Amino acid sequence: MDKIDALEEKTAHLIRAVEDLSDMVTRQGREIDRLTRIVGLLAKREAEREAGGGEAPAANVRPPHW
């Protein structure tokens, strides 16, 4: 009977570990999806900025507050 109890206990611990890992993978998947959307938006914004022909201020021009 002790062997069966030990196996049931180990099985319960393993089930809990699998459930915890599954929850973690689900959270990470959501985070990856969110970050992927953000990177896509940033890439789109940068592409639009570059296509707009907006020039960066010249390096030798003093800022307006001087």
Foldseek 3Di string as FASTA:
>chain_A
DVVVVVVVVVVVVVVVVVVVVVVVVVVVVVVVVVVVVVVVVVVVVVVVVVVVVDDDDDPPDDDPVD
